[in-house]
């Protein structure tokens, strides 16, 4: 009985505990919510310049570079005088980069021998050199995107040369040559050398110093000539000289003796001509000379004078004068 009573009592106590309401602890309101932990900051973006450097060029940059480096059409026209007709042919065009190499030479970018040159060049600065005969011109040129056209005025004239002996005595063309110099007395520059008579030479307008050679010794004439643009200048230079031939004879008007060594000296003793043969000839300017004719161990001589005129023969006699 006691055991049952104890179990009943325990069961009653348990049931009584569930029936009693639960007491909850009061909750006090807080003045502010608890602090949030710090949030990580976003990583800064790379600078625009750095991003550009690390990436490939944009399409816009490529397009600009393509336009500024692509060859552009260039037309070059040469004229003799301002407003004149284009020169149809005979021109030689050379186009150089305006920036010289370290050794001072300029890079040839294009060349043409057309009267009106049609070429292509990338935009930039250049130097154009155009030659028409011996007339030449060099000028700077700027090429821009698009069509480019340039006119160059050469201010060119022409010169035709001939010579004669004083008195209008003609000279065989094969015995004449001409040299042309530009500039003044103290600073002359050779423009053309060994020109033959009656050739037409194209030159830039200006004053030139002309040298005419009759033969190869001392018959020389000089003159200064003015070349006008768009005009042909005809000039004849007159020599004070003569063609001279020599022969050694035993009597006046006799047959020439062969195998003779010849020497001609000026009045000052300067040797200006020597030859070997029976009939040597040369051209000498006006003046006094001494000729020596050597045959074997014998030497014969004679004084003679040259004056302007037709060809002349000098006889040296083997007899003693």
C-alpha atoms as a PDB file:
ATOM      1  CA  UNK A   1       0.000   0.000   0.000  1.00  0.00           C
ATOM      2  CA  UNK A   2       2.714   2.353   0.827  1.00  0.00           C
ATOM      3  CA  UNK A   3       4.346   1.812  -2.526  1.00  0.00           C
ATOM      4  CA  UNK A   4       1.126   2.622  -4.369  1.00  0.00           C
ATOM      5  CA  UNK A   5       0.599   5.716  -2.216  1.00  0.00           C
ATOM      6  CA  UNK A   6       4.061   6.966  -3.025  1.00  0.00           C
ATOM      7  CA  UNK A   7       3.645   6.464  -6.742  1.00  0.00           C
ATOM      8  CA  UNK A   8       0.288   8.264  -6.665  1.00  0.00           C
ATOM      9  CA  UNK A   9       1.830  11.166  -4.810  1.00  0.00           C
ATOM     10  CA  UNK A  10       4.677  11.514  -7.322  1.00  0.00           C
ATOM     11  CA  UNK A  11       2.232  11.400 -10.225  1.00  0.00           C
ATOM     12  CA  UNK A  12       0.122  14.141  -8.637  1.00  0.00           C
ATOM     13  CA  UNK A  13       3.128  16.360  -8.160  1.00  0.00           C
ATOM     14  CA  UNK A  14       4.128  15.940 -11.751  1.00  0.00           C
ATOM     15  CA  UNK A  15       0.691  16.808 -13.037  1.00  0.00           C
ATOM     16  CA  UNK A  16       0.541  19.807 -10.783  1.00  0.00           C
ATOM     17  CA  UNK A  17       3.838  21.172 -12.229  1.00  0.00           C
ATOM     18  CA  UNK A  18       2.507  21.129 -15.812  1.00  0.00           C
ATOM     19  CA  UNK A  19      -0.652  22.893 -14.773  1.00  0.00           C
ATOM     20  CA  UNK A  20       1.221  25.805 -13.148  1.00  0.00           C
ATOM     21  CA  UNK A  21       1.830  28.698 -15.745  1.00  0.00           C
ATOM     22  CA  UNK A  22       5.414  29.427 -16.649  1.00  0.00           C
ATOM     23  CA  UNK A  23       6.945  32.730 -15.542  1.00  0.00           C
ATOM     24  CA  UNK A  24       9.023  34.470 -18.127  1.00  0.00           C
ATOM     25  CA  UNK A  25      11.804  36.936 -17.451  1.00  0.00           C
ATOM     26  CA  UNK A  26      11.184  40.592 -18.500  1.00  0.00           C
ATOM     27  CA  UNK A  27      12.996  41.887 -21.621  1.00  0.00           C
ATOM     28  CA  UNK A  28      14.385  45.511 -21.460  1.00  0.00           C
ATOM     29  CA  UNK A  29      14.376  47.602 -24.713  1.00  0.00           C
ATOM     30  CA  UNK A  30      17.920  48.628 -25.878  1.00  0.00           C
ATOM     31  CA  UNK A  31      18.762  52.264 -26.842  1.00  0.00           C
ATOM     32  CA  UNK A  32      20.580  51.283 -30.132  1.00  0.00           C
ATOM     33  CA  UNK A  33      21.045  48.120 -32.171  1.00  0.00           C
ATOM     34  CA  UNK A  34      24.347  46.302 -31.804  1.00  0.00           C
ATOM     35  CA  UNK A  35      27.194  47.520 -34.084  1.00  0.00           C
ATOM     36  CA  UNK A  36      27.610  45.788 -37.434  1.00  0.00           C
ATOM     37  CA  UNK A  37      31.024  44.405 -38.249  1.00  0.00           C
ATOM     38  CA  UNK A  38      32.996  46.590 -40.855  1.00  0.00           C
ATOM     39  CA  UNK A  39      32.282  45.721 -44.464  1.00  0.00           C
ATOM     40  CA  UNK A  40      35.259  45.247 -46.862  1.00  0.00           C
ATOM     41  CA  UNK A  41      35.827  48.217 -49.236  1.00  0.00           C
ATOM     42  CA  UNK A  42      35.514  47.634 -53.024  1.00  0.00           C
ATOM     43  CA  UNK A  43      38.830  47.229 -54.867  1.00  0.00           C
ATOM     44  CA  UNK A  44      39.752  50.497 -56.728  1.00  0.00           C
ATOM     45  CA  UNK A  45      39.584  50.371 -60.516  1.00  0.00           C
ATOM     46  CA  UNK A  46      42.830  50.597 -62.526  1.00  0.00           C
ATOM     47  CA  UNK A  47      43.606  54.093 -64.007  1.00  0.00           C
ATOM     48  CA  UNK A  48      42.361  54.623 -67.519  1.00  0.00           C
ATOM     49  CA  UNK A  49      45.893  55.122 -68.895  1.00  0.00           C
ATOM     50  CA  UNK A  50      47.068  51.894 -67.256  1.00  0.00           C
ATOM     51  CA  UNK A  51      44.107  50.003 -68.602  1.00  0.00           C
ATOM     52  CA  UNK A  52      44.793  51.354 -72.094  1.00  0.00           C
ATOM     53  CA  UNK A  53      48.442  50.367 -71.910  1.00  0.00           C
ATOM     54  CA  UNK A  54      47.629  46.838 -70.874  1.00  0.00           C
ATOM     55  CA  UNK A  55      44.972  46.386 -73.516  1.00  0.00           C
ATOM     56  CA  UNK A  56      45.230  46.382 -77.332  1.00  0.00           C
ATOM     57  CA  UNK A  57      44.621  49.658 -79.297  1.00  0.00           C
ATOM     58  CA  UNK A  58      40.997  50.492 -79.773  1.00  0.00           C
ATOM     59  CA  UNK A  59      39.356  50.310 -83.134  1.00  0.00           C
ATOM     60  CA  UNK A  60      39.169  54.108 -83.224  1.00  0.00           C
ATOM     61  CA  UNK A  61      42.926  54.446 -82.722  1.00  0.00           C
ATOM     62  CA  UNK A  62      43.601  51.887 -85.418  1.00  0.00           C
ATOM     63  CA  UNK A  63      41.314  53.739 -87.799  1.00  0.00           C
ATOM     64  CA  UNK A  64      43.100  57.064 -87.168  1.00  0.00           C
ATOM     65  CA  UNK A  65      46.518  55.504 -87.658  1.00  0.00           C
ATOM     66  CA  UNK A  66      45.360  53.854 -90.871  1.00  0.00           C
ATOM     67  CA  UNK A  67      44.185  57.180 -92.285  1.00  0.00           C
ATOM     68  CA  UNK A  68      47.296  59.127 -91.248  1.00  0.00           C
ATOM     69  CA  UNK A  69      49.816  56.560 -92.545  1.00  0.00           C
ATOM     70  CA  UNK A  70      48.165  55.322 -95.732  1.00  0.00           C
ATOM     71  CA  UNK A  71      49.711  56.586 -99.007  1.00  0.00           C
ATOM     72  CA  UNK A  72      47.804  59.512-100.507  1.00  0.00           C
ATOM     73  CA  UNK A  73      47.588  60.483-104.208  1.00  0.00           C
ATOM     74  CA  UNK A  74      50.005  63.259-105.188  1.00  0.00           C
ATOM     75  CA  UNK A  75      50.143  65.061-108.566  1.00  0.00           C
ATOM     76  CA  UNK A  76      53.261  67.063-109.487  1.00  0.00           C
ATOM     77  CA  UNK A  77      53.265  69.519-112.401  1.00  0.00           C
ATOM     78  CA  UNK A  78      56.207  71.513-113.745  1.00  0.00           C
ATOM     79  CA  UNK A  79      56.013  74.815-115.639  1.00  0.00           C
ATOM     80  CA  UNK A  80      58.721  76.929-117.279  1.00  0.00           C
ATOM     81  CA  UNK A  81      57.155  80.237-116.206  1.00  0.00           C
ATOM     82  CA  UNK A  82      54.272  81.171-113.872  1.00  0.00           C
ATOM     83  CA  UNK A  83      50.985  80.565-115.650  1.00  0.00           C
ATOM     84  CA  UNK A  84      52.715  78.701-118.475  1.00  0.00           C
ATOM     85  CA  UNK A  85      51.635  75.404-119.912  1.00  0.00           C
ATOM     86  CA  UNK A  86      52.715  72.221-118.089  1.00  0.00           C
ATOM     87  CA  UNK A  87      55.987  70.777-119.342  1.00  0.00           C
ATOM     88  CA  UNK A  88      54.916  67.600-121.173  1.00  0.00           C
ATOM     89  CA  UNK A  89      58.119  65.591-120.856  1.00  0.00           C
ATOM     90  CA  UNK A  90      61.825  65.761-120.071  1.00  0.00           C
ATOM     91  CA  UNK A  91      61.297  66.200-116.328  1.00  0.00           C
ATOM     92  CA  UNK A  92      62.928  64.049-113.649  1.00  0.00           C
ATOM     93  CA  UNK A  93      61.217  64.123-110.246  1.00  0.00           C
ATOM     94  CA  UNK A  94      62.834  62.983-107.001  1.00  0.00           C
ATOM     95  CA  UNK A  95      61.020  63.178-103.656  1.00  0.00           C
ATOM     96  CA  UNK A  96      62.982  62.928-100.411  1.00  0.00           C
ATOM     97  CA  UNK A  97      61.984  62.607 -96.775  1.00  0.00           C
ATOM     98  CA  UNK A  98      62.517  65.999 -95.125  1.00  0.00           C
ATOM     99  CA  UNK A  99      64.380  64.371 -92.210  1.00  0.00           C
ATOM    100  CA  UNK A 100      67.955  63.480 -93.116  1.00  0.00           C
ATOM    101  CA  UNK A 101      69.687  60.312 -91.933  1.00  0.00           C
ATOM    102  CA  UNK A 102      72.468  60.537 -89.301  1.00  0.00           C
ATOM    103  CA  UNK A 103      75.058  60.645 -92.094  1.00  0.00           C
ATOM    104  CA  UNK A 104      73.335  63.677 -93.610  1.00  0.00           C
ATOM    105  CA  UNK A 105      71.883  61.888 -96.646  1.00  0.00           C
ATOM    106  CA  UNK A 106      68.189  62.249 -97.435  1.00  0.00           C
ATOM    107  CA  UNK A 107      66.021  59.179 -98.020  1.00  0.00           C
ATOM    108  CA  UNK A 108      64.613  58.920-101.553  1.00  0.00           C
ATOM    109  CA  UNK A 109      60.871  58.222-101.214  1.00  0.00           C
ATOM    110  CA  UNK A 110      59.753  58.319-104.851  1.00  0.00           C
ATOM    111  CA  UNK A 111      61.010  59.026-108.379  1.00  0.00           C
ATOM    112  CA  UNK A 112      59.273  59.727-111.684  1.00  0.00           C
ATOM    113  CA  UNK A 113      60.274  60.792-115.196  1.00  0.00           C
ATOM    114  CA  UNK A 114      56.752  61.711-116.277  1.00  0.00           C
ATOM    115  CA  UNK A 115      55.930  65.259-117.332  1.00  0.00           C
ATOM    116  CA  UNK A 116      53.047  65.277-114.843  1.00  0.00           C
ATOM    117  CA  UNK A 117      54.038  62.873-112.091  1.00  0.00           C
ATOM    118  CA  UNK A 118      51.393  60.727-110.394  1.00  0.00           C
ATOM    119  CA  UNK A 119      52.737  59.204-107.177  1.00  0.00           C
ATOM    120  CA  UNK A 120      51.543  58.122-103.708  1.00  0.00           C
ATOM    121  CA  UNK A 121      53.066  59.208-100.405  1.00  0.00           C
ATOM    122  CA  UNK A 122      52.022  58.922 -96.742  1.00  0.00           C
ATOM    123  CA  UNK A 123      51.035  62.249 -95.143  1.00  0.00           C
ATOM    124  CA  UNK A 124      54.115  64.139 -93.990  1.00  0.00           C
ATOM    125  CA  UNK A 125      56.853  66.597 -94.932  1.00  0.00           C
ATOM    126  CA  UNK A 126      59.018  66.100 -98.035  1.00  0.00           C
ATOM    127  CA  UNK A 127      61.525  67.856-100.289  1.00  0.00           C
ATOM    128  CA  UNK A 128      60.860  67.801-104.040  1.00  0.00           C
ATOM    129  CA  UNK A 129      63.731  68.067-106.532  1.00  0.00           C
ATOM    130  CA  UNK A 130      62.804  68.472-110.191  1.00  0.00           C
ATOM    131  CA  UNK A 131      65.270  68.719-113.085  1.00  0.00           C
ATOM    132  CA  UNK A 132      64.563  69.857-116.631  1.00  0.00           C
ATOM    133  CA  UNK A 133      67.781  69.534-118.570  1.00  0.00           C
ATOM    134  CA  UNK A 134      70.224  71.510-116.429  1.00  0.00           C
ATOM    135  CA  UNK A 135      67.467  73.648-114.912  1.00  0.00           C
ATOM    136  CA  UNK A 136      66.803  72.457-111.374  1.00  0.00           C
ATOM    137  CA  UNK A 137      64.523  73.335-108.473  1.00  0.00           C
ATOM    138  CA  UNK A 138      64.184  72.076-104.884  1.00  0.00           C
ATOM    139  CA  UNK A 139      61.213  72.977-102.690  1.00  0.00           C
ATOM    140  CA  UNK A 140      59.486  71.608 -99.551  1.00  0.00           C
ATOM    141  CA  UNK A 141      56.131  69.854 -99.851  1.00  0.00           C
ATOM    142  CA  UNK A 142      53.486  68.880 -97.275  1.00  0.00           C
ATOM    143  CA  UNK A 143      51.261  65.879 -98.044  1.00  0.00           C
ATOM    144  CA  UNK A 144      47.907  65.703 -96.222  1.00  0.00           C
ATOM    145  CA  UNK A 145      45.128  63.078 -96.220  1.00  0.00           C
ATOM    146  CA  UNK A 146      43.211  63.281 -99.474  1.00  0.00           C
ATOM    147  CA  UNK A 147      44.171  64.357-102.984  1.00  0.00           C
ATOM    148  CA  UNK A 148      47.304  66.534-103.243  1.00  0.00           C
ATOM    149  CA  UNK A 149      48.325  68.637-106.275  1.00  0.00           C
ATOM    150  CA  UNK A 150      51.412  70.865-106.560  1.00  0.00           C
ATOM    151  CA  UNK A 151      52.783  73.190-109.270  1.00  0.00           C
ATOM    152  CA  UNK A 152      56.517  73.913-109.558  1.00  0.00           C
ATOM    153  CA  UNK A 153      57.828  76.828-111.654  1.00  0.00           C
ATOM    154  CA  UNK A 154      61.374  76.245-112.876  1.00  0.00           C
ATOM    155  CA  UNK A 155      61.980  79.704-114.449  1.00  0.00           C
ATOM    156  CA  UNK A 156      63.940  77.938-117.173  1.00  0.00           C
ATOM    157  CA  UNK A 157      65.517  79.303-120.332  1.00  0.00           C
ATOM    158  CA  UNK A 158      67.592  77.772-123.124  1.00  0.00           C
ATOM    159  CA  UNK A 159      71.074  78.503-124.478  1.00  0.00           C
ATOM    160  CA  UNK A 160      72.657  77.599-127.814  1.00  0.00           C
ATOM    161  CA  UNK A 161      76.406  78.235-128.241  1.00  0.00           C
ATOM    162  CA  UNK A 162      78.792  78.522-131.149  1.00  0.00           C
ATOM    163  CA  UNK A 163      82.177  80.099-131.856  1.00  0.00           C
ATOM    164  CA  UNK A 164      84.110  81.494-134.815  1.00  0.00           C
ATOM    165  CA  UNK A 165      87.463  83.075-135.488  1.00  0.00           C
ATOM    166  CA  UNK A 166      87.444  86.876-135.589  1.00  0.00           C
ATOM    167  CA  UNK A 167      86.238  87.896-139.015  1.00  0.00           C
ATOM    168  CA  UNK A 168      83.443  85.288-138.990  1.00  0.00           C
ATOM    169  CA  UNK A 169      85.794  82.527-140.054  1.00  0.00           C
ATOM    170  CA  UNK A 170      83.990  79.271-139.170  1.00  0.00           C
ATOM    171  CA  UNK A 171      85.568  76.721-136.872  1.00  0.00           C
ATOM    172  CA  UNK A 172      85.116  72.968-137.471  1.00  0.00           C
ATOM    173  CA  UNK A 173      82.574  71.790-134.839  1.00  0.00           C
ATOM    174  CA  UNK A 174      84.872  68.963-133.762  1.00  0.00           C
ATOM    175  CA  UNK A 175      87.447  71.512-132.568  1.00  0.00           C
ATOM    176  CA  UNK A 176      85.063  73.379-130.234  1.00  0.00           C
ATOM    177  CA  UNK A 177      83.850  72.647-126.718  1.00  0.00           C
ATOM    178  CA  UNK A 178      82.081  74.775-124.122  1.00  0.00           C
ATOM    179  CA  UNK A 179      81.954  74.867-120.316  1.00  0.00           C
ATOM    180  CA  UNK A 180      79.210  76.644-118.362  1.00  0.00           C
ATOM    181  CA  UNK A 181      79.649  78.002-114.834  1.00  0.00           C
ATOM    182  CA  UNK A 182      77.136  79.625-112.501  1.00  0.00           C
ATOM    183  CA  UNK A 183      77.824  82.216-109.834  1.00  0.00           C
ATOM    184  CA  UNK A 184      80.170  85.168-109.723  1.00  0.00           C
ATOM    185  CA  UNK A 185      83.932  85.417-110.087  1.00  0.00           C
ATOM    186  CA  UNK A 186      84.717  84.328-106.545  1.00  0.00           C
ATOM    187  CA  UNK A 187      82.314  81.432-106.268  1.00  0.00           C
ATOM    188  CA  UNK A 188      81.760  79.758-109.623  1.00  0.00           C
ATOM    189  CA  UNK A 189      80.202  76.326-109.878  1.00  0.00           C
ATOM    190  CA  UNK A 190      80.542  74.076-112.924  1.00  0.00           C
ATOM    191  CA  UNK A 191      77.111  73.476-114.463  1.00  0.00           C
ATOM    192  CA  UNK A 192      78.058  71.749-117.737  1.00  0.00           C
ATOM    193  CA  UNK A 193      81.377  70.661-119.258  1.00  0.00           C
ATOM    194  CA  UNK A 194      82.518  69.696-122.756  1.00  0.00           C
ATOM    195  CA  UNK A 195      79.365  70.796-124.566  1.00  0.00           C
ATOM    196  CA  UNK A 196      79.483  70.747-128.379  1.00  0.00           C
ATOM    197  CA  UNK A 197      78.376  73.692-130.527  1.00  0.00           C
ATOM    198  CA  UNK A 198      74.716  74.234-131.447  1.00  0.00           C
ATOM    199  CA  UNK A 199      73.433  71.983-128.663  1.00  0.00           C
ATOM    200  CA  UNK A 200      70.444  73.527-126.843  1.00  0.00           C
ATOM    201  CA  UNK A 201      70.991  73.534-123.095  1.00  0.00           C
ATOM    202  CA  UNK A 202      68.138  74.169-120.630  1.00  0.00           C
ATOM    203  CA  UNK A 203      69.185  76.289-117.645  1.00  0.00           C
ATOM    204  CA  UNK A 204      67.567  78.034-114.722  1.00  0.00           C
ATOM    205  CA  UNK A 205      67.220  81.737-115.533  1.00  0.00           C
ATOM    206  CA  UNK A 206      70.233  83.761-114.432  1.00  0.00           C
ATOM    207  CA  UNK A 207      73.726  84.883-115.415  1.00  0.00           C
ATOM    208  CA  UNK A 208      76.305  82.276-116.434  1.00  0.00           C
ATOM    209  CA  UNK A 209      80.005  82.342-117.238  1.00  0.00           C
ATOM    210  CA  UNK A 210      80.734  80.669-120.594  1.00  0.00           C
ATOM    211  CA  UNK A 211      84.155  79.317-121.609  1.00  0.00           C
ATOM    212  CA  UNK A 212      84.790  78.400-125.256  1.00  0.00           C
ATOM    213  CA  UNK A 213      87.752  76.128-126.087  1.00  0.00           C
ATOM    214  CA  UNK A 214      89.114  76.178-129.646  1.00  0.00           C
ATOM    215  CA  UNK A 215      91.449  73.204-129.773  1.00  0.00           C
ATOM    216  CA  UNK A 216      93.073  71.966-126.572  1.00  0.00           C
ATOM    217  CA  UNK A 217      95.918  74.389-125.834  1.00  0.00           C
ATOM    218  CA  UNK A 218      95.481  78.114-125.238  1.00  0.00           C
ATOM    219  CA  UNK A 219      92.753  79.367-127.578  1.00  0.00           C
ATOM    220  CA  UNK A 220      90.131  80.223-124.963  1.00  0.00           C
ATOM    221  CA  UNK A 221      87.369  82.847-124.946  1.00  0.00           C
ATOM    222  CA  UNK A 222      85.179  83.774-121.963  1.00  0.00           C
ATOM    223  CA  UNK A 223      81.882  85.641-121.727  1.00  0.00           C
ATOM    224  CA  UNK A 224      79.068  86.262-119.233  1.00  0.00           C
ATOM    225  CA  UNK A 225      75.579  85.633-120.600  1.00  0.00           C
ATOM    226  CA  UNK A 226      72.131  86.278-119.140  1.00  0.00           C
ATOM    227  CA  UNK A 227      69.489  83.540-119.577  1.00  0.00           C
ATOM    228  CA  UNK A 228      65.870  84.726-119.493  1.00  0.00           C
ATOM    229  CA  UNK A 229      62.982  82.428-118.504  1.00  0.00           C
ATOM    230  CA  UNK A 230      61.015  81.043-121.420  1.00  0.00           C
ATOM    231  CA  UNK A 231      63.524  82.308-124.016  1.00  0.00           C
ATOM    232  CA  UNK A 232      66.216  80.757-126.228  1.00  0.00           C
ATOM    233  CA  UNK A 233      69.515  82.667-126.155  1.00  0.00           C
ATOM    234  CA  UNK A 234      71.787  82.215-129.182  1.00  0.00           C
ATOM    235  CA  UNK A 235      75.414  83.224-128.574  1.00  0.00           C
ATOM    236  CA  UNK A 236      78.543  83.162-130.749  1.00  0.00           C
ATOM    237  CA  UNK A 237      81.944  83.688-129.129  1.00  0.00           C
ATOM    238  CA  UNK A 238      84.889  84.922-131.252  1.00  0.00           C
ATOM    239  CA  UNK A 239      88.420  83.576-130.942  1.00  0.00           C
ATOM    240  CA  UNK A 240      91.684  85.394-131.671  1.00  0.00           C
ATOM    241  CA  UNK A 241      93.487  82.262-132.799  1.00  0.00           C
ATOM    242  CA  UNK A 242      94.342  80.113-135.793  1.00  0.00           C
ATOM    243  CA  UNK A 243      94.912  76.521-136.787  1.00  0.00           C
ATOM    244  CA  UNK A 244      98.623  75.869-137.281  1.00  0.00           C
ATOM    245  CA  UNK A 245     100.331  72.890-138.925  1.00  0.00           C
ATOM    246  CA  UNK A 246     104.080  72.164-139.125  1.00  0.00           C
ATOM    247  CA  UNK A 247     106.434  70.400-141.516  1.00  0.00           C
ATOM    248  CA  UNK A 248     110.204  70.000-141.744  1.00  0.00           C
ATOM    249  CA  UNK A 249     111.556  70.522-145.277  1.00  0.00           C
ATOM    250  CA  UNK A 250     114.969  70.722-146.892  1.00  0.00           C
ATOM    251  CA  UNK A 251     113.808  73.653-149.051  1.00  0.00           C
ATOM    252  CA  UNK A 252     110.833  76.007-149.138  1.00  0.00           C
ATOM    253  CA  UNK A 253     107.769  74.242-150.462  1.00  0.00           C
ATOM    254  CA  UNK A 254     109.544  70.897-150.350  1.00  0.00           C
ATOM    255  CA  UNK A 255     108.286  67.507-149.237  1.00  0.00           C
ATOM    256  CA  UNK A 256     107.741  66.995-145.488  1.00  0.00           C
ATOM    257  CA  UNK A 257     110.354  64.921-143.722  1.00  0.00           C
ATOM    258  CA  UNK A 258     108.993  62.025-141.648  1.00  0.00           C
ATOM    259  CA  UNK A 259     109.746  60.911-138.095  1.00  0.00           C
ATOM    260  CA  UNK A 260     110.222  64.371-136.617  1.00  0.00           C
ATOM    261  CA  UNK A 261     109.798  65.263-132.946  1.00  0.00           C
ATOM    262  CA  UNK A 262     108.054  68.626-132.557  1.00  0.00           C
ATOM    263  CA  UNK A 263     108.034  71.039-129.611  1.00  0.00           C
ATOM    264  CA  UNK A 264     106.387  74.466-129.441  1.00  0.00           C
ATOM    265  CA  UNK A 265     107.260  77.000-126.744  1.00  0.00           C
ATOM    266  CA  UNK A 266     105.840  80.403-125.906  1.00  0.00           C
ATOM    267  CA  UNK A 267     107.962  83.551-125.878  1.00  0.00           C
ATOM    268  CA  UNK A 268     108.391  82.939-122.116  1.00  0.00           C
ATOM    269  CA  UNK A 269     109.861  79.477-122.745  1.00  0.00           C
ATOM    270  CA  UNK A 270     106.816  77.455-121.644  1.00  0.00           C
ATOM    271  CA  UNK A 271     106.293  74.235-123.616  1.00  0.00           C
ATOM    272  CA  UNK A 272     102.684  74.108-124.783  1.00  0.00           C
ATOM    273  CA  UNK A 273     102.732  71.532-127.589  1.00  0.00           C
ATOM    274  CA  UNK A 274     104.658  68.408-128.558  1.00  0.00           C
ATOM    275  CA  UNK A 275     104.042  65.725-131.167  1.00  0.00           C
ATOM    276  CA  UNK A 276     105.721  63.173-133.414  1.00  0.00           C
ATOM    277  CA  UNK A 277     105.143  62.938-137.160  1.00  0.00           C
ATOM    278  CA  UNK A 278     105.472  64.602-140.527  1.00  0.00           C
ATOM    279  CA  UNK A 279     102.414  66.930-140.373  1.00  0.00           C
ATOM    280  CA  UNK A 280     101.451  67.780-136.748  1.00  0.00           C
ATOM    281  CA  UNK A 281      98.790  70.443-136.270  1.00  0.00           C
ATOM    282  CA  UNK A 282      97.248  72.342-133.396  1.00  0.00           C
ATOM    283  CA  UNK A 283      95.377  75.558-132.547  1.00  0.00           C
ATOM    284  CA  UNK A 284      97.251  78.509-131.036  1.00  0.00           C
ATOM    285  CA  UNK A 285      96.080  81.844-129.731  1.00  0.00           C
ATOM    286  CA  UNK A 286      97.522  85.057-131.128  1.00  0.00           C
ATOM    287  CA  UNK A 287     101.128  85.591-130.059  1.00  0.00           C
ATOM    288  CA  UNK A 288     104.791  84.786-130.664  1.00  0.00           C
ATOM    289  CA  UNK A 289     106.155  81.237-130.470  1.00  0.00           C
ATOM    290  CA  UNK A 290     109.291  79.138-131.068  1.00  0.00           C
ATOM    291  CA  UNK A 291     109.090  75.719-132.721  1.00  0.00           C
ATOM    292  CA  UNK A 292     111.740  72.965-132.531  1.00  0.00           C
ATOM    293  CA  UNK A 293     111.981  70.086-134.999  1.00  0.00           C
ATOM    294  CA  UNK A 294     114.258  67.204-134.005  1.00  0.00           C
ATOM    295  CA  UNK A 295     115.316  64.560-136.521  1.00  0.00           C
ATOM    296  CA  UNK A 296     117.736  62.017-135.171  1.00  0.00           C
ATOM    297  CA  UNK A 297     120.498  63.981-133.436  1.00  0.00           C
ATOM    298  CA  UNK A 298     119.790  67.203-135.301  1.00  0.00           C
ATOM    299  CA  UNK A 299     117.486  69.943-133.970  1.00  0.00           C
ATOM    300  CA  UNK A 300     116.067  72.732-136.155  1.00  0.00           C
ATOM    301  CA  UNK A 301     114.056  75.686-134.921  1.00  0.00           C
ATOM    302  CA  UNK A 302     112.152  78.725-136.054  1.00  0.00           C
ATOM    303  CA  UNK A 303     110.369  81.723-134.540  1.00  0.00           C
ATOM    304  CA  UNK A 304     106.846  82.372-135.818  1.00  0.00           C
ATOM    305  CA  UNK A 305     103.855  84.542-135.026  1.00  0.00           C
ATOM    306  CA  UNK A 306     100.175  83.602-134.897  1.00  0.00           C
ATOM    307  CA  UNK A 307      97.420  86.050-135.776  1.00  0.00           C
ATOM    308  CA  UNK A 308      93.658  85.490-136.118  1.00  0.00           C
ATOM    309  CA  UNK A 309      92.676  84.072-139.441  1.00  0.00           C
ATOM    310  CA  UNK A 310      92.386  80.966-141.525  1.00  0.00           C
ATOM    311  CA  UNK A 311      94.503  77.842-141.076  1.00  0.00           C
ATOM    312  CA  UNK A 312      98.211  78.368-141.689  1.00  0.00           C
ATOM    313  CA  UNK A 313     101.226  76.098-142.339  1.00  0.00           C
ATOM    314  CA  UNK A 314     104.653  76.716-140.755  1.00  0.00           C
ATOM    315  CA  UNK A 315     107.717  75.316-142.579  1.00  0.00           C
ATOM    316  CA  UNK A 316     110.961  74.608-140.756  1.00  0.00           C
ATOM    317  CA  UNK A 317     113.981  74.370-143.059  1.00  0.00           C
ATOM    318  CA  UNK A 318     116.869  72.053-142.393  1.00  0.00           C
ATOM    319  CA  UNK A 319     119.183  74.807-143.663  1.00  0.00           C
ATOM    320  CA  UNK A 320     120.672  77.188-141.084  1.00  0.00           C
ATOM    321  CA  UNK A 321     118.899  80.536-140.918  1.00  0.00           C
END
